[in-house]
Amino acid sequence: MQIRISWPAGHITATLDASTPTAQALAKALPLASTASTWGEEVYFDTGVSVSRETDARQVVDPGTVAFWTEGDSLALPYGPTPISHGEECRLASPCNVLGGLDGDAGLLATVRAGDPIRVELIED
């Protein structure tokens, strides 16, 4: 399953594992519009989707991971260290459901500014 994430300065696509309950819930909510927040080198935004933490939730992930922060009903898109990272790792605020990964250079997210409008839509095959 592919999604497109757009903001005023650009866009990126992501490939999600459609078999996860969180990805399925997110897909049902698309398209969605939200407002970007930033935390170190992470972009996150509310989705209006509420799900439970999955058993394989992780706090430390690779740059470009598409994660779902269950405590904030938000997609979390880390592309580098956050304020609680050790070294260069991507450490999320708490364990998050891992949905998939960004296609291409996750560093594009550096152009997202707090308060930017964000749009997420499903890319139909």
Protein backbone atom coordinates (compact mmCIF):
# COMPACT_ATOMS: atom_id res chain seq x y z
CA MET A 1 0.00 0.00 0.00
CA GLN A 2 1.42 3.40 -0.95
CA ILE A 3 0.59 6.83 0.41
CA ARG A 4 1.63 10.35 -0.59
CA ILE A 5 2.47 12.90 2.10
CA SER A 6 2.41 16.52 0.85
CA TRP A 7 3.31 19.87 2.44
CA PRO A 8 3.89 23.34 0.94
CA ALA A 9 7.59 22.78 0.10
CA GLY A 10 7.32 19.22 -1.24
CA HIS A 11 5.99 15.71 -1.03
CA ILE A 12 7.19 12.14 -0.50
CA THR A 13 5.65 8.72 -0.93
CA ALA A 14 5.75 5.84 1.52
CA THR A 15 5.13 2.12 1.28
CA LEU A 16 3.14 0.65 4.17
CA ASP A 17 2.58 -2.94 5.26
CA ALA A 18 -1.15 -3.24 4.55
CA SER A 19 -1.42 -6.30 6.81
CA THR A 20 -1.00 -4.32 10.05
CA PRO A 21 -4.15 -3.23 11.89
CA THR A 22 -2.81 0.32 12.18
CA ALA A 23 -2.14 0.64 8.43
CA GLN A 24 -5.64 -0.66 7.71
CA ALA A 25 -7.20 1.88 10.10
CA LEU A 26 -5.12 4.68 8.57
CA ALA A 27 -6.10 3.70 5.02
CA LYS A 28 -9.80 3.94 5.94
CA ALA A 29 -9.22 7.53 7.16
CA LEU A 30 -7.51 8.73 3.97
CA PRO A 31 -7.36 11.26 2.51
CA LEU A 32 -6.65 13.39 5.58
CA ALA A 33 -5.46 16.91 6.24
CA SER A 34 -3.49 17.88 9.33
CA THR A 35 -0.95 20.37 10.69
CA ALA A 36 2.73 19.49 11.01
CA SER A 37 4.66 19.49 14.26
CA THR A 38 8.41 18.96 14.51
CA TRP A 39 10.54 17.44 17.26
CA GLY A 40 14.23 17.43 16.48
CA GLU A 41 14.55 15.67 13.12
CA GLU A 42 11.06 14.19 13.24
CA VAL A 43 7.82 15.38 11.66
CA TYR A 44 4.58 14.26 13.27
CA PHE A 45 0.92 15.13 12.86
CA ASP A 46 -2.49 14.12 14.13
CA THR A 47 -4.43 11.65 11.99
CA GLY A 48 -7.73 11.48 13.88
CA VAL A 49 -7.18 7.68 13.97
CA SER A 50 -7.09 5.96 17.35
CA VAL A 51 -5.48 2.50 17.59
CA SER A 52 -3.78 0.37 20.24
CA ARG A 53 -0.06 -0.19 20.48
CA GLU A 54 0.91 -3.33 18.55
CA THR A 55 3.10 -6.05 20.10
CA ASP A 56 6.07 -5.21 17.85
CA ALA A 57 6.02 -1.44 18.56
CA ARG A 58 9.51 0.10 18.68
CA GLN A 59 11.02 3.28 20.07
CA VAL A 60 14.31 3.27 18.13
CA VAL A 61 13.79 3.07 14.37
CA ASP A 62 15.68 3.72 11.14
CA PRO A 63 15.51 7.14 9.46
CA GLY A 64 12.58 7.15 7.06
CA THR A 65 10.44 4.77 9.12
CA VAL A 66 6.71 5.48 8.99
CA ALA A 67 5.56 5.03 12.58
CA PHE A 68 2.26 5.58 14.37
CA TRP A 69 2.44 7.22 17.80
CA THR A 70 -0.57 5.73 19.60
CA GLU A 71 -0.44 8.20 22.50
CA GLY A 72 -0.91 11.13 20.10
CA ASP A 73 -2.99 9.46 17.35
CA SER A 74 -0.23 10.71 15.06
CA LEU A 75 2.00 9.60 12.22
CA ALA A 76 5.64 10.04 13.25
CA LEU A 77 8.22 10.41 10.46
CA PRO A 78 11.78 10.50 11.84
CA TYR A 79 14.63 11.42 9.51
CA GLY A 80 17.36 11.95 12.11
CA PRO A 81 17.96 12.39 15.84
CA THR A 82 15.27 13.65 18.22
CA PRO A 83 15.87 15.48 21.53
CA ILE A 84 16.04 12.11 23.38
CA SER A 85 18.23 10.25 20.86
CA HIS A 86 21.54 8.70 21.85
CA GLY A 87 23.95 9.77 19.13
CA GLU A 88 22.53 9.70 15.61
CA GLU A 89 19.69 7.21 16.24
CA CYS A 90 16.02 8.02 15.61
CA ARG A 91 14.43 7.64 19.05
CA LEU A 92 10.69 8.27 19.16
CA ALA A 93 8.91 9.73 22.21
CA SER A 94 7.62 6.26 23.13
CA PRO A 95 7.25 2.89 21.38
CA CYS A 96 5.31 3.33 18.13
CA ASN A 97 3.63 0.98 15.68
CA VAL A 98 5.86 0.56 12.62
CA LEU A 99 3.83 0.84 9.41
CA GLY A 100 6.49 0.91 6.70
CA GLY A 101 9.03 3.26 5.21
CA LEU A 102 9.41 6.38 3.13
CA ASP A 103 10.35 5.92 -0.53
CA GLY A 104 13.44 7.93 -1.38
CA ASP A 105 15.33 10.48 0.70
CA ALA A 106 13.81 10.94 4.17
CA GLY A 107 15.89 14.14 4.42
CA LEU A 108 13.21 15.86 2.30
CA LEU A 109 11.25 16.11 5.54
CA ALA A 110 13.71 18.79 6.70
CA THR A 111 11.68 21.23 4.56
CA VAL A 112 8.56 20.70 6.69
CA ARG A 113 7.98 23.56 9.14
CA ALA A 114 5.89 23.40 12.30
CA GLY A 115 2.41 24.64 11.41
CA ASP A 116 2.63 23.59 7.75
CA PRO A 117 -0.53 22.02 6.34
CA ILE A 118 -0.03 18.31 5.66
CA ARG A 119 -2.10 16.13 3.35
CA VAL A 120 -1.95 12.33 3.26
CA GLU A 121 -3.64 10.36 0.50
CA LEU A 122 -3.72 6.80 -0.73
CA ILE A 123 -2.02 6.19 -4.07
CA GLU A 124 -4.38 4.00 -6.06
CA ASP A 125 -2.80 1.26 -8.19
